[in-house]
Amino acid sequence: MFVLIQWIMWAALVLPLSATLGFDALTALASFVLVACGLIVAVTLMLYPLASFVGKIPLKDFIKHCAPVQVIGFSTRVFTGGTTCNH
C-alpha cells in the first residue's frame, strides 16, 4: 500500500515539475537519485569487510545473518541505515 502511495506522490510531484521546468530538471533529479543510490551501495560494500573483521566473524556468515535485517530495512518507508545484525 505504501509503495502505491509513494508512486502516486512521485507522479504528482515529478510530472508537474517536468512540465514546468522541462527535461533538464528531470535529468538532474534522476542523476541525483542514481548518484545517491550508487554511493549507498558503494559504502555498504566497503563496510562489510570492515564489520566482518572487527566483529571477528567470517564475511560469508556476516552477510548471511545481516541479509534478512537489511531486506526489512530497505523495504520500509523510513530506513535510517541503523540496522543491527545479531549473530
C-alpha atoms as a PDB file:
ATOM      1  CA  MET A   1       0.000   0.000   0.000  1.00  0.00           C
ATOM      2  CA  PHE A   2       2.808   2.404   0.908  1.00  0.00           C
ATOM      3  CA  VAL A   3       4.524   1.661  -2.387  1.00  0.00           C
ATOM      4  CA  LEU A   4       1.393   2.597  -4.299  1.00  0.00           C
ATOM      5  CA  ILE A   5       1.066   5.843  -2.345  1.00  0.00           C
ATOM      6  CA  GLN A   6       4.744   6.557  -2.931  1.00  0.00           C
ATOM      7  CA  TRP A   7       4.349   6.125  -6.708  1.00  0.00           C
ATOM      8  CA  ILE A   8       1.258   8.338  -6.765  1.00  0.00           C
ATOM      9  CA  MET A   9       3.044  11.043  -4.788  1.00  0.00           C
ATOM     10  CA  TRP A  10       6.070  10.729  -7.065  1.00  0.00           C
ATOM     11  CA  ALA A  11       3.897  11.181 -10.141  1.00  0.00           C
ATOM     12  CA  ALA A  12       2.095  14.114  -8.540  1.00  0.00           C
ATOM     13  CA  LEU A  13       5.406  15.847  -7.796  1.00  0.00           C
ATOM     14  CA  VAL A  14       7.602  14.916 -10.745  1.00  0.00           C
ATOM     15  CA  LEU A  15       5.168  15.282 -13.628  1.00  0.00           C
ATOM     16  CA  PRO A  16       4.209  18.913 -12.877  1.00  0.00           C
ATOM     17  CA  LEU A  17       7.858  19.736 -12.202  1.00  0.00           C
ATOM     18  CA  SER A  18       8.973  18.304 -15.526  1.00  0.00           C
ATOM     19  CA  ALA A  19       6.124  20.053 -17.348  1.00  0.00           C
ATOM     20  CA  THR A  20       7.098  23.378 -15.816  1.00  0.00           C
ATOM     21  CA  LEU A  21      10.888  23.182 -15.824  1.00  0.00           C
ATOM     22  CA  GLY A  22      11.400  20.793 -18.688  1.00  0.00           C
ATOM     23  CA  PHE A  23      13.531  17.755 -19.283  1.00  0.00           C
ATOM     24  CA  ASP A  24      16.657  19.299 -17.714  1.00  0.00           C
ATOM     25  CA  ALA A  25      15.124  19.309 -14.238  1.00  0.00           C
ATOM     26  CA  LEU A  26      14.025  15.706 -14.611  1.00  0.00           C
ATOM     27  CA  THR A  27      17.518  14.727 -15.774  1.00  0.00           C
ATOM     28  CA  ALA A  28      19.093  16.489 -12.792  1.00  0.00           C
ATOM     29  CA  LEU A  29      16.717  14.745 -10.395  1.00  0.00           C
ATOM     30  CA  ALA A  30      17.396  11.330 -11.936  1.00  0.00           C
ATOM     31  CA  SER A  31      21.141  11.947 -11.785  1.00  0.00           C
ATOM     32  CA  PHE A  32      20.908  12.818  -8.113  1.00  0.00           C
ATOM     33  CA  VAL A  33      18.926   9.665  -7.332  1.00  0.00           C
ATOM     34  CA  LEU A  34      21.372   7.453  -9.239  1.00  0.00           C
ATOM     35  CA  VAL A  35      24.427   9.008  -7.577  1.00  0.00           C
ATOM     36  CA  ALA A  36      22.869   8.730  -4.110  1.00  0.00           C
ATOM     37  CA  CYS A  37      21.913   5.073  -4.626  1.00  0.00           C
ATOM     38  CA  GLY A  38      25.335   4.281  -6.063  1.00  0.00           C
ATOM     39  CA  LEU A  39      27.076   5.845  -3.082  1.00  0.00           C
ATOM     40  CA  ILE A  40      24.901   3.937  -0.632  1.00  0.00           C
ATOM     41  CA  VAL A  41      25.734   0.643  -2.342  1.00  0.00           C
ATOM     42  CA  ALA A  42      29.456   1.502  -2.542  1.00  0.00           C
ATOM     43  CA  VAL A  43      29.712   2.444   1.133  1.00  0.00           C
ATOM     44  CA  THR A  44      27.805  -0.671   2.158  1.00  0.00           C
ATOM     45  CA  LEU A  45      30.129  -2.884   0.130  1.00  0.00           C
ATOM     46  CA  MET A  46      33.187  -1.182   1.634  1.00  0.00           C
ATOM     47  CA  LEU A  47      31.934  -1.508   5.201  1.00  0.00           C
ATOM     48  CA  TYR A  48      31.019  -5.207   5.013  1.00  0.00           C
ATOM     49  CA  PRO A  49      34.645  -6.435   5.172  1.00  0.00           C
ATOM     50  CA  LEU A  50      35.444  -3.938   7.934  1.00  0.00           C
ATOM     51  CA  ALA A  51      32.485  -5.052  10.034  1.00  0.00           C
ATOM     52  CA  SER A  52      33.408  -8.676   9.445  1.00  0.00           C
ATOM     53  CA  PHE A  53      36.990  -8.035  10.540  1.00  0.00           C
ATOM     54  CA  VAL A  54      36.089  -6.004  13.631  1.00  0.00           C
ATOM     55  CA  GLY A  55      33.380  -8.479  14.641  1.00  0.00           C
ATOM     56  CA  LYS A  56      35.749 -11.416  14.095  1.00  0.00           C
ATOM     57  CA  ILE A  57      33.156 -13.278  12.050  1.00  0.00           C
ATOM     58  CA  PRO A  58      33.648 -14.750   8.572  1.00  0.00           C
ATOM     59  CA  LEU A  59      32.336 -12.467   5.842  1.00  0.00           C
ATOM     60  CA  LYS A  60      30.015 -15.157   4.478  1.00  0.00           C
ATOM     61  CA  ASP A  61      28.387 -15.630   7.906  1.00  0.00           C
ATOM     62  CA  PHE A  62      28.118 -11.880   8.417  1.00  0.00           C
ATOM     63  CA  ILE A  63      26.313 -11.457   5.093  1.00  0.00           C
ATOM     64  CA  LYS A  64      24.038 -14.431   5.817  1.00  0.00           C
ATOM     65  CA  HIS A  65      22.973 -13.019   9.185  1.00  0.00           C
ATOM     66  CA  CYS A  66      22.551  -9.424   8.015  1.00  0.00           C
ATOM     67  CA  ALA A  67      20.578 -10.123   4.835  1.00  0.00           C
ATOM     68  CA  PRO A  68      17.129 -10.615   6.461  1.00  0.00           C
ATOM     69  CA  VAL A  69      17.538  -7.497   8.582  1.00  0.00           C
ATOM     70  CA  GLN A  70      18.602  -5.385   5.634  1.00  0.00           C
ATOM     71  CA  VAL A  71      15.768  -6.644   3.440  1.00  0.00           C
ATOM     72  CA  ILE A  72      13.296  -5.498   6.081  1.00  0.00           C
ATOM     73  CA  GLY A  73      15.154  -2.208   6.460  1.00  0.00           C
ATOM     74  CA  PHE A  74      15.198  -1.492   2.732  1.00  0.00           C
ATOM     75  CA  SER A  75      11.532  -2.399   2.364  1.00  0.00           C
ATOM     76  CA  THR A  76      10.303   0.048   5.000  1.00  0.00           C
ATOM     77  CA  ARG A  77       9.475   3.661   4.255  1.00  0.00           C
ATOM     78  CA  VAL A  78      11.822   5.046   6.889  1.00  0.00           C
ATOM     79  CA  PHE A  79      15.255   3.471   6.593  1.00  0.00           C
ATOM     80  CA  THR A  80      17.978   5.269   8.514  1.00  0.00           C
ATOM     81  CA  GLY A  81      20.753   2.780   7.931  1.00  0.00           C
ATOM     82  CA  GLY A  82      20.774   1.828  11.604  1.00  0.00           C
ATOM     83  CA  THR A  83      20.116  -1.868  11.108  1.00  0.00           C
ATOM     84  CA  THR A  84      21.607  -4.250  13.596  1.00  0.00           C
ATOM     85  CA  CYS A  85      22.975  -7.669  12.895  1.00  0.00           C
ATOM     86  CA  ASN A  86      22.694 -10.170  15.729  1.00  0.00           C
ATOM     87  CA  HIS A  87      24.959 -13.158  15.439  1.00  0.00           C
END
